[in-house]
Amino acid sequence: MTHNGISSDVPPDVLEQRAIEQRRHMHQTVTALREQVRDTIHEKLDVNRYARDYVWPAAGIAGLLSLLIGYTTAGIFKRSA
């Protein structure tokens, strides 16, 4: 008689050994997946890399916003004076 593909004539020691090997394999797989996820998250959330890659565009946008705010503020004071 078989249950889930395991025949009843397989000694318990062999079944225990298979279970140990399967648990070890599952543990190794989960560990590898965790490492991949951790590496991916570190790569995607690397603030230093993004700061290096986008420092000039960010500086340009900040400069343009500063000019816009400056001219707007000057226009407000010029009209009220």
Protein backbone atom coordinates (compact mmCIF):
# COMPACT_ATOMS: atom_id res chain seq x y z
CA MET A 1 0.00 0.00 0.00
CA THR A 2 1.31 3.45 -0.85
CA HIS A 3 0.58 6.81 0.67
CA ASN A 4 1.82 9.94 -1.17
CA GLY A 5 4.19 7.85 -3.27
CA ILE A 6 5.91 6.25 -0.26
CA SER A 7 5.59 2.53 0.09
CA SER A 8 5.09 1.05 3.52
CA ASP A 9 8.10 -1.27 3.15
CA VAL A 10 10.60 1.64 3.38
CA PRO A 11 12.39 1.53 6.73
CA PRO A 12 11.76 4.47 9.08
CA ASP A 13 15.49 5.27 9.19
CA VAL A 14 15.49 5.86 5.44
CA LEU A 15 12.39 8.04 5.70
CA GLU A 16 13.97 10.07 8.50
CA GLN A 17 17.13 10.54 6.44
CA ARG A 18 15.07 11.73 3.45
CA ALA A 19 13.20 14.17 5.70
CA ILE A 20 16.49 15.52 7.05
CA GLU A 21 17.83 15.98 3.52
CA GLN A 22 14.62 17.70 2.40
CA ARG A 23 14.71 20.07 5.38
CA ARG A 24 18.36 20.87 4.68
CA HIS A 25 17.58 21.54 1.02
CA MET A 26 14.62 23.75 1.95
CA HIS A 27 16.76 25.67 4.45
CA GLN A 28 19.44 26.26 1.81
CA THR A 29 16.82 27.43 -0.69
CA VAL A 30 15.23 29.83 1.79
CA THR A 31 18.65 31.17 2.77
CA ALA A 32 19.54 31.78 -0.88
CA LEU A 33 16.22 33.54 -1.51
CA ARG A 34 16.70 35.75 1.55
CA GLU A 35 20.17 36.74 0.33
CA GLN A 36 18.82 37.59 -3.12
CA VAL A 37 16.01 39.70 -1.66
CA ARG A 38 18.40 41.44 0.74
CA ASP A 39 20.83 42.24 -2.09
CA THR A 40 18.02 43.52 -4.30
CA ILE A 41 16.61 45.72 -1.54
CA HIS A 42 20.05 47.13 -0.71
CA GLU A 43 20.62 47.88 -4.39
CA LYS A 44 17.23 49.56 -4.85
CA LEU A 45 17.47 51.60 -1.63
CA ASP A 46 21.11 52.67 -1.95
CA VAL A 47 20.80 56.37 -1.09
CA ASN A 48 24.47 57.12 -1.75
CA ARG A 49 24.26 55.75 -5.30
CA TYR A 50 21.12 57.75 -6.06
CA ALA A 51 22.69 60.87 -4.58
CA ARG A 52 25.74 60.43 -6.83
CA ASP A 53 23.64 59.67 -9.91
CA TYR A 54 21.20 62.55 -9.50
CA VAL A 55 23.21 65.30 -7.78
CA TRP A 56 23.41 67.53 -10.87
CA PRO A 57 19.77 67.23 -11.94
CA ALA A 58 18.70 67.87 -8.34
CA ALA A 59 21.00 70.91 -8.14
CA GLY A 60 19.57 72.24 -11.42
CA ILE A 61 15.99 71.84 -10.22
CA ALA A 62 16.85 73.48 -6.89
CA GLY A 63 18.48 76.38 -8.74
CA LEU A 64 15.47 76.88 -11.01
CA LEU A 65 13.09 76.76 -8.05
CA SER A 66 15.23 79.30 -6.20
CA LEU A 67 15.13 81.66 -9.18
CA LEU A 68 11.37 81.24 -9.51
CA ILE A 69 10.78 81.90 -5.82
CA GLY A 70 13.17 84.87 -5.90
CA TYR A 71 11.47 86.51 -8.86
CA THR A 72 8.02 85.86 -7.36
CA THR A 73 9.04 87.37 -4.03
CA ALA A 74 10.64 90.36 -5.78
CA GLY A 75 7.47 90.87 -7.83
CA ILE A 76 5.32 90.86 -4.71
CA PHE A 77 7.51 93.48 -2.99
CA LYS A 78 7.80 95.57 -6.16
CA ARG A 79 3.99 95.76 -6.54
CA SER A 80 3.43 96.67 -2.91
CA ALA A 81 6.05 99.43 -2.91
